[in-house]
Structures are given as structure tokens and as C-alpha cells.
Amino acid sequence: MAAWPDFYPCTCIAVDAQSYGSKNDRRQSEIQHDLPRLLDRAARGAGLDRAQWHIQRKGDEQLAIRPVDGKEPRLVDDYVRHLVAELREYNAQRVPEARMRLRAVVHQGLVELADNGFAGTAVVATARLLNAPALYDALAACPPRPTWRCCCPTTSSGPRWRAGTRPWPLRTSPASPSM
């Protein structure tokens, strides 16, 4: 994907695997190999091309940046739905201790491609939402079957946390992570 010279309107997509640090070396390696494959397959299923995204990889976490281009509904709806399906299929083939659970955040704002990653308050907000105690608590309180939690910041009433085994529409409860 071509770089842009300044701050540009983008969608930030962050995904993180639950309890990665408590896994043994072999399981950590599996997660690092399997997570990008799950994300790629979900994008293909949604008609999105992750090869066109800027991706910052960090072990069990990825932060992807893509310019705002009108495909955001496809990202929030179809991509999340396909990610849930891929994760369900992945977990169906594993014993409970080897199953993966994910937290995910989708946010928009101005982003600059910097020499050491991405710059901009949208990137910072995305990272803080992904690591918000409320999101950790929501996933921990959820039985293993719902394998994802997603936060979509809203403009008027603050972030809305969504959870379940099917993406949209879901029950929505307000939460206020410290930013």
C-alpha cells in the first residue's frame, strides 16, 4: 500500500489474544502464526484485502490502519462476522486450553505513517480502548462460547461495548474506559 505524506483519515483496527503471556512457548508461537491467518481469512471473506492495509504486528496483537474509503460498514459488519466464524472454526478443532479468545476495537481518526509505526490520537485511543479494563472485564465475564468483544466508539454517548457469538445487532451497554 502506498504511504501518505501527512495525517490522513483512517480506520484503526486492533485485535489482541486473551491471556497470551500465560501460555507456554509453543502455544505463544502457535498464536503468532495462527492470528494473522485468521485475520487474513476473515478479511478475504468480507471482500477486504489486508495486503492493502498498514499492519503493526506485536506478538499476539495487531494494529491495522486503512484509509477511510467508504468500506467501513463492510469492515465493522462483514469483517467482524467473518472473524467470529473463523475463530469459531479454529476453536472447534482445539481442546479448551488451546482455544483463542480475542478483543477487538475499531476506531476512526487522523493517522500519520511515522518512521516507527503510526502517529495520531486515533492510534492512541485505539490502543487504550483495546487495553481498557472494561474490555478485559467484559471478556472475562463472558462464558467461553462468545469468543470476541468489540468496542466501537460513538460520537454522542461514548464507547459502546458489544459482545456475543453473532456480531450486529447485539445488546449494547455503555462503558467508560480511562483514556
N, C-alpha and C. Protein backbone atom coordinates (compact mmCIF):
# COMPACT_ATOMS: atom_id res chain seq x y z
N MET A 1 0.84 -1.18 0.00
CA MET A 1 0.00 0.00 0.00
C MET A 1 0.88 1.24 0.00
N ALA A 2 0.50 2.21 -0.74
CA ALA A 2 1.26 3.45 -0.81
C ALA A 2 1.14 4.23 0.50
N ALA A 3 2.20 4.91 0.84
CA ALA A 3 2.19 5.75 2.03
C ALA A 3 1.56 7.09 1.71
N TRP A 4 1.15 7.81 2.73
CA TRP A 4 0.63 9.15 2.54
C TRP A 4 1.53 10.10 3.31
N PRO A 5 1.63 11.36 2.87
CA PRO A 5 2.64 12.27 3.39
C PRO A 5 2.31 12.95 4.71
N ASP A 6 1.08 12.89 5.17
CA ASP A 6 0.69 13.68 6.35
C ASP A 6 -0.40 12.90 7.09
N PHE A 7 -1.05 13.53 8.04
CA PHE A 7 -2.17 12.89 8.74
C PHE A 7 -3.31 12.70 7.75
N TYR A 8 -3.93 11.53 7.81
CA TYR A 8 -4.92 11.14 6.82
C TYR A 8 -6.07 10.44 7.55
N PRO A 9 -7.32 10.65 7.14
CA PRO A 9 -8.44 9.98 7.79
C PRO A 9 -8.35 8.46 7.59
N CYS A 10 -8.33 7.74 8.69
CA CYS A 10 -8.15 6.29 8.63
C CYS A 10 -9.06 5.57 9.61
N THR A 11 -9.22 4.29 9.34
CA THR A 11 -9.85 3.39 10.29
C THR A 11 -8.75 2.58 10.94
N CYS A 12 -8.78 2.50 12.25
CA CYS A 12 -7.81 1.71 13.03
C CYS A 12 -8.53 0.45 13.51
N ILE A 13 -7.92 -0.70 13.29
CA ILE A 13 -8.47 -1.98 13.71
C ILE A 13 -7.42 -2.65 14.59
N ALA A 14 -7.73 -2.87 15.85
CA ALA A 14 -6.79 -3.52 16.76
C ALA A 14 -7.41 -4.81 17.28
N VAL A 15 -6.59 -5.86 17.32
CA VAL A 15 -7.03 -7.17 17.80
C VAL A 15 -5.95 -7.71 18.72
N ASP A 16 -6.38 -8.35 19.81
CA ASP A 16 -5.44 -8.91 20.78
C ASP A 16 -5.99 -10.23 21.31
N ALA A 17 -5.10 -11.20 21.47
CA ALA A 17 -5.49 -12.51 22.01
C ALA A 17 -5.45 -12.48 23.53
N GLN A 18 -6.44 -13.08 24.14
CA GLN A 18 -6.56 -13.10 25.60
C GLN A 18 -5.51 -14.02 26.23
N SER A 19 -4.91 -13.57 27.32
CA SER A 19 -4.02 -14.37 28.17
C SER A 19 -2.81 -14.95 27.45
N TYR A 20 -2.30 -14.24 26.48
CA TYR A 20 -1.15 -14.70 25.71
C TYR A 20 0.07 -14.95 26.61
N GLY A 21 0.35 -14.04 27.52
CA GLY A 21 1.53 -14.15 28.36
C GLY A 21 1.53 -15.34 29.29
N SER A 22 0.37 -15.89 29.57
CA SER A 22 0.30 -17.06 30.47
C SER A 22 0.48 -18.38 29.71
N LYS A 23 0.59 -18.32 28.40
CA LYS A 23 0.75 -19.54 27.58
C LYS A 23 2.22 -19.96 27.56
N ASN A 24 2.45 -21.25 27.29
CA ASN A 24 3.84 -21.71 27.16
C ASN A 24 4.42 -21.27 25.81
N ASP A 25 5.70 -21.48 25.62
CA ASP A 25 6.38 -21.01 24.41
C ASP A 25 5.74 -21.56 23.14
N ARG A 26 5.40 -22.84 23.12
CA ARG A 26 4.81 -23.47 21.94
C ARG A 26 3.47 -22.81 21.61
N ARG A 27 2.64 -22.61 22.62
CA ARG A 27 1.32 -22.01 22.37
C ARG A 27 1.44 -20.56 21.92
N GLN A 28 2.40 -19.83 22.49
CA GLN A 28 2.63 -18.45 22.03
C GLN A 28 3.02 -18.44 20.56
N SER A 29 3.88 -19.37 20.17
CA SER A 29 4.29 -19.46 18.77
C SER A 29 3.09 -19.77 17.88
N GLU A 30 2.26 -20.71 18.30
CA GLU A 30 1.06 -21.04 17.52
C GLU A 30 0.16 -19.82 17.33
N ILE A 31 -0.05 -19.08 18.41
CA ILE A 31 -0.90 -17.89 18.32
C ILE A 31 -0.31 -16.88 17.34
N GLN A 32 1.01 -16.69 17.40
CA GLN A 32 1.64 -15.72 16.49
C GLN A 32 1.53 -16.16 15.04
N HIS A 33 1.49 -17.46 14.79
CA HIS A 33 1.31 -17.94 13.41
C HIS A 33 -0.16 -17.95 13.01
N ASP A 34 -1.03 -18.32 13.94
CA ASP A 34 -2.44 -18.51 13.60
C ASP A 34 -3.23 -17.20 13.52
N LEU A 35 -2.92 -16.23 14.39
CA LEU A 35 -3.69 -14.99 14.41
C LEU A 35 -3.70 -14.27 13.06
N PRO A 36 -2.54 -14.06 12.43
CA PRO A 36 -2.58 -13.39 11.11
C PRO A 36 -3.37 -14.17 10.07
N ARG A 37 -3.31 -15.49 10.13
CA ARG A 37 -4.08 -16.31 9.18
C ARG A 37 -5.58 -16.12 9.40
N LEU A 38 -6.00 -16.13 10.67
CA LEU A 38 -7.42 -15.89 10.97
C LEU A 38 -7.87 -14.53 10.45
N LEU A 39 -7.07 -13.51 10.71
CA LEU A 39 -7.41 -12.15 10.30
C LEU A 39 -7.45 -12.03 8.78
N ASP A 40 -6.49 -12.66 8.09
CA ASP A 40 -6.46 -12.63 6.62
C ASP A 40 -7.68 -13.32 6.03
N ARG A 41 -8.02 -14.51 6.56
CA ARG A 41 -9.18 -15.24 6.04
C ARG A 41 -10.47 -14.46 6.29
N ALA A 42 -10.58 -13.84 7.46
CA ALA A 42 -11.77 -13.04 7.75
C ALA A 42 -11.89 -11.88 6.77
N ALA A 43 -10.79 -11.22 6.48
CA ALA A 43 -10.81 -10.10 5.53
C ALA A 43 -11.21 -10.58 4.14
N ARG A 44 -10.61 -11.67 3.69
CA ARG A 44 -10.98 -12.20 2.37
C ARG A 44 -12.47 -12.54 2.31
N GLY A 45 -12.98 -13.16 3.37
CA GLY A 45 -14.40 -13.50 3.42
C GLY A 45 -15.29 -12.27 3.35
N ALA A 46 -14.80 -11.15 3.87
CA ALA A 46 -15.56 -9.90 3.86
C ALA A 46 -15.31 -9.08 2.60
N GLY A 47 -14.49 -9.60 1.69
CA GLY A 47 -14.20 -8.86 0.46
C GLY A 47 -13.22 -7.73 0.67
N LEU A 48 -12.39 -7.84 1.71
CA LEU A 48 -11.37 -6.82 2.02
C LEU A 48 -9.99 -7.42 1.79
N ASP A 49 -9.04 -6.57 1.43
CA ASP A 49 -7.69 -7.02 1.13
C ASP A 49 -6.72 -6.46 2.16
N ARG A 50 -6.32 -7.30 3.12
CA ARG A 50 -5.40 -6.84 4.17
C ARG A 50 -4.02 -6.51 3.62
N ALA A 51 -3.71 -6.95 2.42
CA ALA A 51 -2.43 -6.57 1.80
C ALA A 51 -2.41 -5.06 1.52
N GLN A 52 -3.58 -4.44 1.49
CA GLN A 52 -3.68 -3.00 1.26
C GLN A 52 -3.68 -2.20 2.56
N TRP A 53 -3.57 -2.87 3.70
CA TRP A 53 -3.58 -2.21 5.00
C TRP A 53 -2.15 -2.06 5.50
N HIS A 54 -1.92 -1.08 6.32
CA HIS A 54 -0.65 -0.98 7.04
C HIS A 54 -0.85 -1.71 8.36
N ILE A 55 0.01 -2.68 8.66
CA ILE A 55 -0.19 -3.52 9.83
C ILE A 55 1.05 -3.46 10.73
N GLN A 56 0.81 -3.20 11.99
CA GLN A 56 1.87 -3.21 13.01
C GLN A 56 1.64 -4.46 13.85
N ARG A 57 2.57 -5.40 13.78
CA ARG A 57 2.43 -6.67 14.50
C ARG A 57 3.17 -6.60 15.82
N LYS A 58 2.57 -7.22 16.84
CA LYS A 58 3.20 -7.24 18.16
C LYS A 58 2.78 -8.52 18.88
N GLY A 59 3.44 -9.62 18.58
CA GLY A 59 3.13 -10.88 19.26
C GLY A 59 1.72 -11.33 19.03
N ASP A 60 0.90 -11.22 20.06
CA ASP A 60 -0.50 -11.66 19.99
C ASP A 60 -1.44 -10.53 19.61
N GLU A 61 -0.89 -9.43 19.16
CA GLU A 61 -1.69 -8.24 18.88
C GLU A 61 -1.35 -7.69 17.50
N GLN A 62 -2.35 -7.13 16.86
CA GLN A 62 -2.12 -6.42 15.60
C GLN A 62 -2.91 -5.12 15.60
N LEU A 63 -2.28 -4.10 15.07
CA LEU A 63 -2.95 -2.83 14.83
C LEU A 63 -2.87 -2.59 13.33
N ALA A 64 -4.02 -2.53 12.69
CA ALA A 64 -4.07 -2.30 11.25
C ALA A 64 -4.68 -0.93 10.98
N ILE A 65 -4.14 -0.25 9.99
CA ILE A 65 -4.60 1.07 9.59
C ILE A 65 -4.99 1.00 8.12
N ARG A 66 -6.17 1.53 7.82
CA ARG A 66 -6.59 1.60 6.42
C ARG A 66 -7.28 2.93 6.19
N PRO A 67 -6.99 3.56 5.06
CA PRO A 67 -7.63 4.85 4.76
C PRO A 67 -9.16 4.71 4.72
N VAL A 68 -9.84 5.74 5.16
CA VAL A 68 -11.30 5.77 5.06
C VAL A 68 -11.64 5.80 3.57
N ASP A 69 -12.46 4.83 3.15
CA ASP A 69 -12.76 4.73 1.72
C ASP A 69 -14.20 4.33 1.42
N GLY A 70 -15.06 4.39 2.42
CA GLY A 70 -16.45 4.02 2.20
C GLY A 70 -16.75 2.56 2.48
N LYS A 71 -15.71 1.75 2.74
CA LYS A 71 -15.93 0.34 3.04
C LYS A 71 -16.01 0.07 4.54
N GLU A 72 -16.15 1.11 5.34
CA GLU A 72 -16.17 0.94 6.79
C GLU A 72 -17.32 0.05 7.25
N PRO A 73 -18.54 0.18 6.69
CA PRO A 73 -19.60 -0.75 7.11
C PRO A 73 -19.23 -2.21 6.86
N ARG A 74 -18.56 -2.46 5.75
CA ARG A 74 -18.11 -3.82 5.45
C ARG A 74 -17.10 -4.29 6.50
N LEU A 75 -16.26 -3.38 6.93
CA LEU A 75 -15.25 -3.71 7.94
C LEU A 75 -15.92 -4.02 9.28
N VAL A 76 -16.78 -3.13 9.73
CA VAL A 76 -17.40 -3.29 11.05
C VAL A 76 -18.39 -4.45 11.05
N ASP A 77 -19.10 -4.66 9.99
CA ASP A 77 -20.11 -5.72 9.95
C ASP A 77 -19.53 -7.02 9.41
N ASP A 78 -19.17 -7.05 8.14
CA ASP A 78 -18.74 -8.29 7.49
C ASP A 78 -17.43 -8.84 8.05
N TYR A 79 -16.44 -7.98 8.23
CA TYR A 79 -15.14 -8.45 8.72
C TYR A 79 -15.27 -9.06 10.12
N VAL A 80 -16.00 -8.38 10.99
CA VAL A 80 -16.18 -8.91 12.35
C VAL A 80 -16.94 -10.23 12.29
N ARG A 81 -17.98 -10.30 11.49
CA ARG A 81 -18.76 -11.54 11.37
C ARG A 81 -17.88 -12.68 10.86
N HIS A 82 -17.06 -12.41 9.87
CA HIS A 82 -16.17 -13.45 9.34
C HIS A 82 -15.08 -13.82 10.35
N LEU A 83 -14.62 -12.84 11.11
CA LEU A 83 -13.63 -13.14 12.14
C LEU A 83 -14.22 -14.05 13.20
N VAL A 84 -15.46 -13.79 13.60
CA VAL A 84 -16.15 -14.65 14.57
C VAL A 84 -16.26 -16.07 14.01
N ALA A 85 -16.64 -16.19 12.75
CA ALA A 85 -16.78 -17.52 12.12
C ALA A 85 -15.43 -18.24 12.05
N GLU A 86 -14.39 -17.53 11.65
CA GLU A 86 -13.05 -18.14 11.58
C GLU A 86 -12.59 -18.58 12.96
N LEU A 87 -12.84 -17.76 13.95
CA LEU A 87 -12.43 -18.08 15.31
C LEU A 87 -13.21 -19.27 15.84
N ARG A 88 -14.49 -19.31 15.54
CA ARG A 88 -15.33 -20.45 15.97
C ARG A 88 -14.79 -21.75 15.34
N GLU A 89 -14.48 -21.72 14.06
CA GLU A 89 -13.95 -22.91 13.38
C GLU A 89 -12.59 -23.30 13.95
N TYR A 90 -11.75 -22.33 14.19
CA TYR A 90 -10.42 -22.56 14.77
C TYR A 90 -10.55 -23.23 16.14
N ASN A 91 -11.42 -22.69 16.98
CA ASN A 91 -11.58 -23.20 18.33
C ASN A 91 -12.26 -24.56 18.38
N ALA A 92 -13.10 -24.86 17.41
CA ALA A 92 -13.80 -26.15 17.38
C ALA A 92 -12.82 -27.31 17.24
N GLN A 93 -11.65 -27.05 16.72
CA GLN A 93 -10.64 -28.10 16.49
C GLN A 93 -9.64 -28.20 17.64
N ARG A 94 -9.90 -27.51 18.74
CA ARG A 94 -8.92 -27.46 19.83
C ARG A 94 -9.54 -27.80 21.18
N VAL A 95 -8.69 -28.31 22.05
CA VAL A 95 -9.13 -28.53 23.42
C VAL A 95 -9.30 -27.16 24.07
N PRO A 96 -10.09 -27.07 25.14
CA PRO A 96 -10.37 -25.75 25.73
C PRO A 96 -9.12 -24.92 26.05
N GLU A 97 -8.06 -25.53 26.54
CA GLU A 97 -6.86 -24.76 26.90
C GLU A 97 -6.16 -24.15 25.68
N ALA A 98 -6.42 -24.67 24.51
CA ALA A 98 -5.75 -24.19 23.30
C ALA A 98 -6.64 -23.28 22.45
N ARG A 99 -7.80 -22.96 22.96
CA ARG A 99 -8.70 -22.08 22.21
C ARG A 99 -8.26 -20.63 22.35
N MET A 100 -8.55 -19.86 21.32
CA MET A 100 -8.18 -18.45 21.30
C MET A 100 -9.43 -17.60 21.51
N ARG A 101 -9.29 -16.58 22.33
CA ARG A 101 -10.33 -15.58 22.52
C ARG A 101 -9.72 -14.23 22.19
N LEU A 102 -10.50 -13.37 21.57
CA LEU A 102 -9.97 -12.10 21.09
C LEU A 102 -10.75 -10.92 21.64
N ARG A 103 -10.03 -9.81 21.80
CA ARG A 103 -10.62 -8.50 21.99
C ARG A 103 -10.36 -7.74 20.69
N ALA A 104 -11.30 -6.91 20.28
CA ALA A 104 -11.12 -6.14 19.04
C ALA A 104 -11.71 -4.75 19.21
N VAL A 105 -11.08 -3.79 18.56
CA VAL A 105 -11.53 -2.40 18.59
C VAL A 105 -11.45 -1.84 17.17
N VAL A 106 -12.46 -1.09 16.79
CA VAL A 106 -12.47 -0.37 15.52
C VAL A 106 -12.69 1.11 15.85
N HIS A 107 -11.85 1.97 15.32
CA HIS A 107 -11.93 3.40 15.62
C HIS A 107 -11.50 4.17 14.38
N GLN A 108 -11.91 5.43 14.27
CA GLN A 108 -11.51 6.26 13.14
C GLN A 108 -10.90 7.56 13.62
N GLY A 109 -10.01 8.09 12.79
CA GLY A 109 -9.42 9.38 13.08
C GLY A 109 -8.24 9.63 12.15
N LEU A 110 -7.52 10.70 12.42
CA LEU A 110 -6.37 11.07 11.60
C LEU A 110 -5.15 10.26 12.04
N VAL A 111 -4.43 9.72 11.06
CA VAL A 111 -3.25 8.89 11.33
C VAL A 111 -2.14 9.30 10.37
N GLU A 112 -0.93 9.32 10.89
CA GLU A 112 0.25 9.54 10.05
C GLU A 112 1.11 8.29 10.11
N LEU A 113 1.66 7.92 8.97
CA LEU A 113 2.64 6.83 8.93
C LEU A 113 3.96 7.43 9.36
N ALA A 114 4.45 7.02 10.52
CA ALA A 114 5.68 7.57 11.07
C ALA A 114 6.83 6.57 10.87
N ASP A 115 8.04 7.00 11.16
CA ASP A 115 9.20 6.13 10.97
C ASP A 115 9.17 4.89 11.86
N ASN A 116 8.48 4.98 13.00
CA ASN A 116 8.48 3.85 13.93
C ASN A 116 7.07 3.34 14.18
N GLY A 117 6.19 3.45 13.20
CA GLY A 117 4.83 2.96 13.36
C GLY A 117 3.82 3.98 12.92
N PHE A 118 2.78 4.18 13.71
CA PHE A 118 1.70 5.08 13.37
C PHE A 118 1.61 6.17 14.42
N ALA A 119 1.30 7.39 14.00
CA ALA A 119 1.15 8.51 14.92
C ALA A 119 -0.25 9.08 14.80
N GLY A 120 -0.74 9.60 15.91
CA GLY A 120 -2.04 10.26 15.92
C GLY A 120 -2.87 9.85 17.11
N THR A 121 -3.76 10.75 17.51
CA THR A 121 -4.60 10.45 18.67
C THR A 121 -5.55 9.28 18.41
N ALA A 122 -5.91 9.04 17.15
CA ALA A 122 -6.77 7.89 16.83
C ALA A 122 -6.07 6.59 17.17
N VAL A 123 -4.78 6.53 16.90
CA VAL A 123 -4.00 5.32 17.21
C VAL A 123 -3.91 5.14 18.73
N VAL A 124 -3.65 6.23 19.44
CA VAL A 124 -3.56 6.17 20.90
C VAL A 124 -4.90 5.74 21.48
N ALA A 125 -6.00 6.32 21.01
CA ALA A 125 -7.32 5.96 21.51
C ALA A 125 -7.64 4.49 21.23
N THR A 126 -7.27 4.02 20.05
CA THR A 126 -7.50 2.61 19.70
C THR A 126 -6.75 1.70 20.66
N ALA A 127 -5.49 1.99 20.91
CA ALA A 127 -4.69 1.17 21.83
C ALA A 127 -5.26 1.20 23.25
N ARG A 128 -5.70 2.36 23.68
CA ARG A 128 -6.25 2.47 25.04
C ARG A 128 -7.58 1.74 25.16
N LEU A 129 -8.40 1.83 24.12
CA LEU A 129 -9.66 1.09 24.14
C LEU A 129 -9.41 -0.42 24.17
N LEU A 130 -8.45 -0.88 23.37
CA LEU A 130 -8.14 -2.31 23.32
C LEU A 130 -7.66 -2.82 24.68
N ASN A 131 -6.97 -1.98 25.42
CA ASN A 131 -6.41 -2.38 26.70
C ASN A 131 -7.21 -1.84 27.89
N ALA A 132 -8.39 -1.36 27.65
CA ALA A 132 -9.23 -0.81 28.71
C ALA A 132 -9.66 -1.93 29.67
N PRO A 133 -9.57 -1.66 30.96
CA PRO A 133 -10.02 -2.67 31.94
C PRO A 133 -11.45 -3.15 31.68
N ALA A 134 -12.32 -2.25 31.24
CA ALA A 134 -13.72 -2.65 30.98
C ALA A 134 -13.80 -3.70 29.88
N LEU A 135 -12.94 -3.63 28.89
CA LEU A 135 -12.95 -4.62 27.82
C LEU A 135 -12.41 -5.96 28.31
N TYR A 136 -11.33 -5.92 29.11
CA TYR A 136 -10.82 -7.14 29.73
C TYR A 136 -11.89 -7.78 30.61
N ASP A 137 -12.54 -6.96 31.43
CA ASP A 137 -13.56 -7.47 32.34
C ASP A 137 -14.73 -8.06 31.57
N ALA A 138 -15.12 -7.42 30.49
CA ALA A 138 -16.24 -7.91 29.70
C ALA A 138 -15.93 -9.28 29.11
N LEU A 139 -14.72 -9.47 28.61
CA LEU A 139 -14.35 -10.77 28.04
C LEU A 139 -14.24 -11.82 29.14
N ALA A 140 -13.68 -11.45 30.28
CA ALA A 140 -13.54 -12.40 31.39
C ALA A 140 -14.91 -12.82 31.93
N ALA A 141 -15.87 -11.92 31.93
CA ALA A 141 -17.20 -12.22 32.46
C ALA A 141 -18.04 -13.05 31.50
N CYS A 142 -17.59 -13.14 30.28
CA CYS A 142 -18.34 -13.81 29.24
C CYS A 142 -17.96 -15.29 29.21
N PRO A 143 -18.93 -16.19 29.12
CA PRO A 143 -18.57 -17.61 29.01
C PRO A 143 -17.75 -17.86 27.75
N PRO A 144 -17.02 -18.96 27.72
CA PRO A 144 -16.12 -19.20 26.59
C PRO A 144 -16.78 -19.20 25.22
N ARG A 145 -18.06 -19.51 25.09
CA ARG A 145 -18.67 -19.58 23.77
C ARG A 145 -18.59 -18.27 23.00
N PRO A 146 -19.02 -17.12 23.56
CA PRO A 146 -18.81 -15.88 22.82
C PRO A 146 -17.31 -15.57 22.82
N THR A 147 -16.69 -15.59 21.66
CA THR A 147 -15.24 -15.56 21.59
C THR A 147 -14.69 -14.19 21.26
N TRP A 148 -15.49 -13.16 21.31
CA TRP A 148 -14.97 -11.85 20.98
C TRP A 148 -15.69 -10.77 21.77
N ARG A 149 -15.00 -9.66 21.89
CA ARG A 149 -15.57 -8.42 22.43
C ARG A 149 -15.08 -7.32 21.52
N CYS A 150 -15.95 -6.42 21.19
CA CYS A 150 -15.57 -5.34 20.28
C CYS A 150 -16.06 -4.01 20.83
N CYS A 151 -15.23 -3.01 20.72
CA CYS A 151 -15.62 -1.67 21.15
C CYS A 151 -15.64 -0.77 19.93
N CYS A 152 -16.76 -0.10 19.74
CA CYS A 152 -16.88 0.88 18.66
C CYS A 152 -17.22 2.21 19.30
N PRO A 153 -16.26 3.13 19.36
CA PRO A 153 -16.56 4.44 19.95
C PRO A 153 -17.66 5.14 19.16
N THR A 154 -18.54 5.77 19.88
CA THR A 154 -19.61 6.52 19.23
C THR A 154 -19.39 8.00 19.49
N THR A 155 -20.01 8.83 18.70
CA THR A 155 -19.74 10.26 18.81
C THR A 155 -20.53 10.94 19.90
N SER A 156 -21.75 10.51 20.18
CA SER A 156 -22.58 11.25 21.11
C SER A 156 -22.56 10.73 22.53
N SER A 157 -22.51 9.43 22.71
CA SER A 157 -22.68 8.90 24.06
C SER A 157 -21.48 8.11 24.56
N GLY A 158 -20.36 8.18 23.90
CA GLY A 158 -19.18 7.46 24.34
C GLY A 158 -19.13 6.06 23.77
N PRO A 159 -18.13 5.27 24.18
CA PRO A 159 -17.97 3.93 23.61
C PRO A 159 -19.13 3.01 23.94
N ARG A 160 -19.39 2.10 23.06
CA ARG A 160 -20.39 1.06 23.27
C ARG A 160 -19.67 -0.27 23.13
N TRP A 161 -19.87 -1.15 24.08
CA TRP A 161 -19.23 -2.46 24.09
C TRP A 161 -20.23 -3.48 23.59
N ARG A 162 -19.83 -4.28 22.66
CA ARG A 162 -20.72 -5.28 22.09
C ARG A 162 -20.08 -6.65 22.29
N ALA A 163 -20.92 -7.65 22.53
CA ALA A 163 -20.40 -8.98 22.77
C ALA A 163 -21.38 -10.02 22.29
N GLY A 164 -20.87 -11.19 21.99
CA GLY A 164 -21.75 -12.28 21.64
C GLY A 164 -21.10 -13.25 20.68
N THR A 165 -21.92 -14.14 20.17
CA THR A 165 -21.43 -15.10 19.20
C THR A 165 -21.80 -14.65 17.79
N ARG A 166 -22.69 -13.67 17.68
CA ARG A 166 -23.04 -13.08 16.39
C ARG A 166 -22.73 -11.60 16.48
N PRO A 167 -22.13 -11.03 15.44
CA PRO A 167 -21.89 -9.59 15.52
C PRO A 167 -23.19 -8.79 15.56
N TRP A 168 -23.49 -7.93 14.75
CA TRP A 168 -24.52 -6.92 14.86
C TRP A 168 -25.90 -7.45 14.52
N PRO A 169 -26.99 -7.00 15.11
CA PRO A 169 -27.02 -6.11 16.28
C PRO A 169 -26.92 -6.94 17.56
N LEU A 170 -26.35 -6.36 18.55
CA LEU A 170 -26.18 -7.04 19.83
C LEU A 170 -26.61 -6.11 20.96
N ARG A 171 -26.75 -6.70 22.12
CA ARG A 171 -27.04 -5.86 23.28
C ARG A 171 -25.86 -4.93 23.48
N THR A 172 -26.14 -3.73 23.81
CA THR A 172 -25.10 -2.73 23.94
C THR A 172 -25.18 -2.13 25.34
N SER A 173 -24.03 -2.06 25.98
CA SER A 173 -24.01 -1.44 27.31
C SER A 173 -22.90 -0.41 27.35
N PRO A 174 -23.18 0.76 27.87
CA PRO A 174 -22.14 1.79 27.92
C PRO A 174 -21.04 1.41 28.89
N ALA A 175 -19.84 1.79 28.56
CA ALA A 175 -18.70 1.61 29.44
C ALA A 175 -17.78 2.81 29.22
N SER A 176 -16.99 3.11 30.17
CA SER A 176 -16.14 4.29 30.07
C SER A 176 -14.70 3.94 30.45
N PRO A 177 -13.90 3.43 29.47
CA PRO A 177 -12.52 3.14 29.80
C PRO A 177 -11.74 4.42 30.05
N SER A 178 -10.78 4.33 30.94
CA SER A 178 -9.93 5.51 31.20
C SER A 178 -9.04 5.74 30.01
N MET A 179 -9.02 6.95 29.53
CA MET A 179 -8.26 7.24 28.32
C MET A 179 -7.02 8.00 28.65
